[in-house]
C-alpha atoms as a PDB file:
ATOM      1  CA  UNK A   1      -2.840  42.885   3.923  1.00  0.00           C
ATOM      2  CA  UNK A   2      -5.941  40.826   2.348  1.00  0.00           C
ATOM      3  CA  UNK A   3      -3.318  38.343   0.602  1.00  0.00           C
ATOM      4  CA  UNK A   4      -1.148  37.335   3.747  1.00  0.00           C
ATOM      5  CA  UNK A   5      -4.287  36.504   4.725  1.00  0.00           C
ATOM      6  CA  UNK A   6      -5.548  34.956   2.202  1.00  0.00           C
ATOM      7  CA  UNK A   7      -1.819  32.733   1.490  1.00  0.00           C
ATOM      8  CA  UNK A   8      -2.474  31.481   5.429  1.00  0.00           C
ATOM      9  CA  UNK A   9      -5.363  31.190   5.292  1.00  0.00           C
ATOM     10  CA  UNK A  10      -4.334  28.258   2.540  1.00  0.00           C
ATOM     11  CA  UNK A  11      -1.397  26.974   4.453  1.00  0.00           C
ATOM     12  CA  UNK A  12      -3.396  25.916   6.975  1.00  0.00           C
ATOM     13  CA  UNK A  13      -5.386  24.527   4.878  1.00  0.00           C
ATOM     14  CA  UNK A  14      -2.688  22.674   3.232  1.00  0.00           C
ATOM     15  CA  UNK A  15      -1.601  21.359   6.795  1.00  0.00           C
ATOM     16  CA  UNK A  16      -4.438  20.277   8.029  1.00  0.00           C
ATOM     17  CA  UNK A  17      -4.990  17.810   4.876  1.00  0.00           C
ATOM     18  CA  UNK A  18      -1.137  16.768   4.642  1.00  0.00           C
ATOM     19  CA  UNK A  19      -2.323  13.492   6.475  1.00  0.00           C
ATOM     20  CA  UNK A  20      -4.007  12.195   3.531  1.00  0.00           C
ATOM     21  CA  UNK A  21      -1.586  12.931   0.528  1.00  0.00           C
ATOM     22  CA  UNK A  22       1.594  11.227   2.245  1.00  0.00           C
ATOM     23  CA  UNK A  23       1.377   7.293   3.512  1.00  0.00           C
ATOM     24  CA  UNK A  24       1.486   7.995   7.399  1.00  0.00           C
ATOM     25  CA  UNK A  25      -2.094   7.770   8.917  1.00  0.00           C
ATOM     26  CA  UNK A  26      -3.797  10.526  11.692  1.00  0.00           C
ATOM     27  CA  UNK A  27      -2.526   7.839  14.554  1.00  0.00           C
ATOM     28  CA  UNK A  28       1.425   8.515  13.543  1.00  0.00           C
ATOM     29  CA  UNK A  29       1.283   5.221  11.653  1.00  0.00           C
ATOM     30  CA  UNK A  30       3.284   5.292   8.215  1.00  0.00           C
ATOM     31  CA  UNK A  31       2.763   2.445   5.699  1.00  0.00           C
ATOM     32  CA  UNK A  32       5.657   2.151   3.080  1.00  0.00           C
ATOM     33  CA  UNK A  33       6.268  -1.490   0.545  1.00  0.00           C
ATOM     34  CA  UNK A  34       9.757  -3.241   0.343  1.00  0.00           C
ATOM     35  CA  UNK A  35      10.268  -5.062  -2.271  1.00  0.00           C
ATOM     36  CA  UNK A  36      12.771  -7.599  -2.727  1.00  0.00           C
ATOM     37  CA  UNK A  37      13.980  -6.149  -6.021  1.00  0.00           C
ATOM     38  CA  UNK A  38      12.526  -2.718  -7.896  1.00  0.00           C
ATOM     39  CA  UNK A  39      13.850  -4.006 -11.474  1.00  0.00           C
ATOM     40  CA  UNK A  40      12.619  -7.781 -13.026  1.00  0.00           C
ATOM     41  CA  UNK A  41      11.850  -9.060 -15.850  1.00  0.00           C
ATOM     42  CA  UNK A  42       8.404  -8.957 -17.201  1.00  0.00           C
ATOM     43  CA  UNK A  43       8.796 -12.887 -17.587  1.00  0.00           C
ATOM     44  CA  UNK A  44       9.542 -13.523 -14.430  1.00  0.00           C
ATOM     45  CA  UNK A  45       7.173 -13.481 -11.323  1.00  0.00           C
ATOM     46  CA  UNK A  46       5.757 -10.805  -9.356  1.00  0.00           C
ATOM     47  CA  UNK A  47       8.325 -10.338  -6.721  1.00  0.00           C
ATOM     48  CA  UNK A  48       7.402 -10.888  -2.782  1.00  0.00           C
ATOM     49  CA  UNK A  49       7.234  -7.764  -0.735  1.00  0.00           C
ATOM     50  CA  UNK A  50       6.757  -6.556   2.755  1.00  0.00           C
ATOM     51  CA  UNK A  51       4.197  -4.050   4.171  1.00  0.00           C
ATOM     52  CA  UNK A  52       5.961  -2.010   7.061  1.00  0.00           C
ATOM     53  CA  UNK A  53       4.147  -0.273   9.539  1.00  0.00           C
ATOM     54  CA  UNK A  54       5.754   2.530  11.458  1.00  0.00           C
ATOM     55  CA  UNK A  55       4.917   4.369  13.951  1.00  0.00           C
ATOM     56  CA  UNK A  56       6.360   7.540  14.256  1.00  0.00           C
ATOM     57  CA  UNK A  57       3.655   8.788  16.600  1.00  0.00           C
ATOM     58  CA  UNK A  58       4.364   9.644  20.445  1.00  0.00           C
ATOM     59  CA  UNK A  59       1.404   7.062  21.707  1.00  0.00           C
ATOM     60  CA  UNK A  60       0.863   3.335  21.115  1.00  0.00           C
ATOM     61  CA  UNK A  61      -0.941   2.435  18.754  1.00  0.00           C
ATOM     62  CA  UNK A  62      -3.355  -0.874  17.999  1.00  0.00           C
ATOM     63  CA  UNK A  63      -3.320  -2.578  14.824  1.00  0.00           C
ATOM     64  CA  UNK A  64      -5.576  -5.597  13.842  1.00  0.00           C
ATOM     65  CA  UNK A  65      -3.885  -8.431  12.737  1.00  0.00           C
ATOM     66  CA  UNK A  66      -6.107  -8.865   9.395  1.00  0.00           C
ATOM     67  CA  UNK A  67      -3.461  -9.080   6.992  1.00  0.00           C
ATOM     68  CA  UNK A  68      -3.798 -13.681   6.605  1.00  0.00           C
ATOM     69  CA  UNK A  69      -7.461 -13.988   8.499  1.00  0.00           C
ATOM     70  CA  UNK A  70      -8.153 -17.578   6.397  1.00  0.00           C
ATOM     71  CA  UNK A  71      -5.222 -20.161   5.853  1.00  0.00           C
ATOM     72  CA  UNK A  72      -6.239 -20.664   2.223  1.00  0.00           C
ATOM     73  CA  UNK A  73      -6.950 -17.164   1.113  1.00  0.00           C
ATOM     74  CA  UNK A  74      -4.828 -14.379   0.326  1.00  0.00           C
ATOM     75  CA  UNK A  75      -4.577 -11.505   2.671  1.00  0.00           C
ATOM     76  CA  UNK A  76      -7.075  -9.038   2.713  1.00  0.00           C
ATOM     77  CA  UNK A  77      -5.552  -6.056   1.014  1.00  0.00           C
ATOM     78  CA  UNK A  78      -6.026  -4.451  -1.688  1.00  0.00           C
ATOM     79  CA  UNK A  79      -3.124  -3.782  -4.250  1.00  0.00           C
ATOM     80  CA  UNK A  80      -3.033  -1.895  -7.478  1.00  0.00           C
ATOM     81  CA  UNK A  81      -0.658  -1.487 -10.143  1.00  0.00           C
ATOM     82  CA  UNK A  82      -0.342   1.609 -12.343  1.00  0.00           C
ATOM     83  CA  UNK A  83       1.601   2.038 -15.245  1.00  0.00           C
ATOM     84  CA  UNK A  84       3.253   5.581 -15.713  1.00  0.00           C
ATOM     85  CA  UNK A  85       2.458   7.803 -18.361  1.00  0.00           C
ATOM     86  CA  UNK A  86       3.901  11.119 -19.392  1.00  0.00           C
ATOM     87  CA  UNK A  87       2.987  14.351 -17.970  1.00  0.00           C
ATOM     88  CA  UNK A  88       2.533  12.311 -14.222  1.00  0.00           C
ATOM     89  CA  UNK A  89      -0.274  10.333 -15.439  1.00  0.00           C
ATOM     90  CA  UNK A  90      -1.155   6.833 -13.812  1.00  0.00           C
ATOM     91  CA  UNK A  91      -2.754   4.070 -15.806  1.00  0.00           C
ATOM     92  CA  UNK A  92      -4.005   1.108 -13.574  1.00  0.00           C
ATOM     93  CA  UNK A  93      -2.711  -2.201 -15.538  1.00  0.00           C
ATOM     94  CA  UNK A  94      -3.550  -4.670 -12.389  1.00  0.00           C
ATOM     95  CA  UNK A  95      -5.349  -5.103  -8.997  1.00  0.00           C
ATOM     96  CA  UNK A  96      -6.133  -7.526  -6.354  1.00  0.00           C
ATOM     97  CA  UNK A  97      -9.295  -7.296  -4.203  1.00  0.00           C
ATOM     98  CA  UNK A  98      -9.908 -10.000  -1.558  1.00  0.00           C
ATOM     99  CA  UNK A  99     -13.304 -11.923  -2.278  1.00  0.00           C
ATOM    100  CA  UNK A 100     -14.168 -13.139   0.789  1.00  0.00           C
ATOM    101  CA  UNK A 101     -15.713 -11.852   3.541  1.00  0.00           C
ATOM    102  CA  UNK A 102     -15.323 -12.907   7.247  1.00  0.00           C
ATOM    103  CA  UNK A 103     -17.494 -12.750  10.175  1.00  0.00           C
ATOM    104  CA  UNK A 104     -15.849 -11.763  13.226  1.00  0.00           C
ATOM    105  CA  UNK A 105     -16.060 -13.565  16.343  1.00  0.00           C
ATOM    106  CA  UNK A 106     -14.998 -13.589  20.031  1.00  0.00           C
ATOM    107  CA  UNK A 107     -11.193 -13.894  19.006  1.00  0.00           C
ATOM    108  CA  UNK A 108      -9.572 -10.714  17.297  1.00  0.00           C
ATOM    109  CA  UNK A 109      -5.596 -10.649  17.266  1.00  0.00           C
ATOM    110  CA  UNK A 110      -3.842  -7.438  17.452  1.00  0.00           C
ATOM    111  CA  UNK A 111      -0.515  -6.014  16.916  1.00  0.00           C
ATOM    112  CA  UNK A 112       0.756  -3.709  19.737  1.00  0.00           C
ATOM    113  CA  UNK A 113       2.998  -0.939  18.071  1.00  0.00           C
ATOM    114  CA  UNK A 114       5.002   1.232  20.797  1.00  0.00           C
ATOM    115  CA  UNK A 115       6.727   4.455  19.590  1.00  0.00           C
ATOM    116  CA  UNK A 116       9.447   3.885  16.848  1.00  0.00           C
ATOM    117  CA  UNK A 117       8.181   0.158  16.672  1.00  0.00           C
ATOM    118  CA  UNK A 118       8.046  -1.369  13.021  1.00  0.00           C
ATOM    119  CA  UNK A 119       5.875  -4.439  12.208  1.00  0.00           C
ATOM    120  CA  UNK A 120       6.494  -6.192   9.064  1.00  0.00           C
ATOM    121  CA  UNK A 121       4.222  -8.379   6.400  1.00  0.00           C
ATOM    122  CA  UNK A 122       5.325 -10.701   4.128  1.00  0.00           C
ATOM    123  CA  UNK A 123       3.048 -10.605   1.503  1.00  0.00           C
ATOM    124  CA  UNK A 124       4.308 -13.731  -0.798  1.00  0.00           C
ATOM    125  CA  UNK A 125       3.171 -15.197  -3.982  1.00  0.00           C
ATOM    126  CA  UNK A 126       1.640 -11.737  -5.381  1.00  0.00           C
ATOM    127  CA  UNK A 127       1.637 -13.018  -8.459  1.00  0.00           C
ATOM    128  CA  UNK A 128      -0.915 -15.662  -8.250  1.00  0.00           C
ATOM    129  CA  UNK A 129      -2.953 -13.048  -6.389  1.00  0.00           C
ATOM    130  CA  UNK A 130      -2.948 -10.292  -9.366  1.00  0.00           C
ATOM    131  CA  UNK A 131      -5.888 -10.018 -12.350  1.00  0.00           C
ATOM    132  CA  UNK A 132      -4.227  -7.828 -15.221  1.00  0.00           C
ATOM    133  CA  UNK A 133      -6.458  -5.721 -17.175  1.00  0.00           C
ATOM    134  CA  UNK A 134      -6.982  -5.112 -20.871  1.00  0.00           C
ATOM    135  CA  UNK A 135      -5.522  -4.910 -23.454  1.00  0.00           C
ATOM    136  CA  UNK A 136      -2.205  -6.518 -22.362  1.00  0.00           C
ATOM    137  CA  UNK A 137      -3.116  -8.772 -19.611  1.00  0.00           C
ATOM    138  CA  UNK A 138       0.910  -8.527 -18.167  1.00  0.00           C
ATOM    139  CA  UNK A 139       3.176  -5.989 -17.127  1.00  0.00           C
ATOM    140  CA  UNK A 140       5.576  -4.348 -20.453  1.00  0.00           C
ATOM    141  CA  UNK A 141       9.408  -4.722 -20.419  1.00  0.00           C
ATOM    142  CA  UNK A 142      10.802  -1.208 -20.733  1.00  0.00           C
ATOM    143  CA  UNK A 143       7.754   0.449 -18.706  1.00  0.00           C
ATOM    144  CA  UNK A 144       7.755   2.356 -15.288  1.00  0.00           C
ATOM    145  CA  UNK A 145       5.119   1.556 -12.952  1.00  0.00           C
ATOM    146  CA  UNK A 146       3.727   1.921  -9.248  1.00  0.00           C
ATOM    147  CA  UNK A 147       2.896  -1.010  -7.121  1.00  0.00           C
ATOM    148  CA  UNK A 148      -0.543   0.665  -4.389  1.00  0.00           C
ATOM    149  CA  UNK A 149      -1.017  -1.126  -1.617  1.00  0.00           C
ATOM    150  CA  UNK A 150      -3.985  -0.642   0.952  1.00  0.00           C
ATOM    151  CA  UNK A 151      -5.103  -2.064   4.086  1.00  0.00           C
ATOM    152  CA  UNK A 152      -8.234  -1.221   5.831  1.00  0.00           C
ATOM    153  CA  UNK A 153      -8.126  -1.437   9.723  1.00  0.00           C
ATOM    154  CA  UNK A 154     -11.859  -0.654  11.412  1.00  0.00           C
ATOM    155  CA  UNK A 155     -11.054  -2.464  14.465  1.00  0.00           C
ATOM    156  CA  UNK A 156      -7.803  -0.914  15.762  1.00  0.00           C
ATOM    157  CA  UNK A 157      -9.363   1.742  17.968  1.00  0.00           C
ATOM    158  CA  UNK A 158     -13.122   1.246  18.052  1.00  0.00           C
ATOM    159  CA  UNK A 159     -15.341   3.584  16.533  1.00  0.00           C
ATOM    160  CA  UNK A 160     -12.609   4.423  13.634  1.00  0.00           C
ATOM    161  CA  UNK A 161     -11.979   3.427  10.315  1.00  0.00           C
ATOM    162  CA  UNK A 162      -8.385   3.887   9.029  1.00  0.00           C
ATOM    163  CA  UNK A 163      -6.446   3.718   5.583  1.00  0.00           C
ATOM    164  CA  UNK A 164      -3.018   2.464   5.409  1.00  0.00           C
ATOM    165  CA  UNK A 165      -1.416   3.356   1.988  1.00  0.00           C
ATOM    166  CA  UNK A 166       2.239   2.215   0.883  1.00  0.00           C
ATOM    167  CA  UNK A 167       3.330   2.912  -2.697  1.00  0.00           C
ATOM    168  CA  UNK A 168       6.539   1.786  -4.479  1.00  0.00           C
ATOM    169  CA  UNK A 169       7.889   2.411  -7.755  1.00  0.00           C
ATOM    170  CA  UNK A 170       9.533   0.181  -9.854  1.00  0.00           C
ATOM    171  CA  UNK A 171      10.092  -0.982 -13.377  1.00  0.00           C
ATOM    172  CA  UNK A 172      10.044  -3.878 -15.813  1.00  0.00           C
ATOM    173  CA  UNK A 173      13.510  -4.401 -18.117  1.00  0.00           C
ATOM    174  CA  UNK A 174      14.213  -7.211 -20.267  1.00  0.00           C
ATOM    175  CA  UNK A 175      16.967  -9.244 -18.960  1.00  0.00           C
ATOM    176  CA  UNK A 176      17.220 -12.176 -21.270  1.00  0.00           C
ATOM    177  CA  UNK A 177      20.941 -13.069 -22.228  1.00  0.00           C
ATOM    178  CA  UNK A 178      20.479 -12.275 -26.041  1.00  0.00           C
ATOM    179  CA  UNK A 179      20.003  -8.244 -25.185  1.00  0.00           C
END
């Protein structure tokens, strides 16, 4: 009987933390990454990708439209590329962190997502944004990687800060005609 209560307690604990494991926030909005190509050559530019926000909840949700707040700067998102290694381990290979702070004025733009509705944000020229880490300072042909994109929303719902995370696996393959 004691074992049964331990398992029930464990299941209850896991179900309460399940929202933190997946790509869905506690308000029912799921963030996913859609890449144009999931296989490309390391010599090619990193492909453009889309962030897709889908409201899978039952209420209308408001997102703060902060993806491209300034015309001359990159998007206000965090991008990380991890090299997949053996035994499920990951090693950070590249990242992008916006290097600006915007003072919020009177005019804040929001996106309202009704239940079942999607909103797509195209992230262009990501290859210009990325900072590659040592020792190679580039992606390597023949390796598998994971793209992780994080959008932090502190204005969509007053007093609540949410983090939306989208992930996508891709691989870098040699596409030279001489192989």
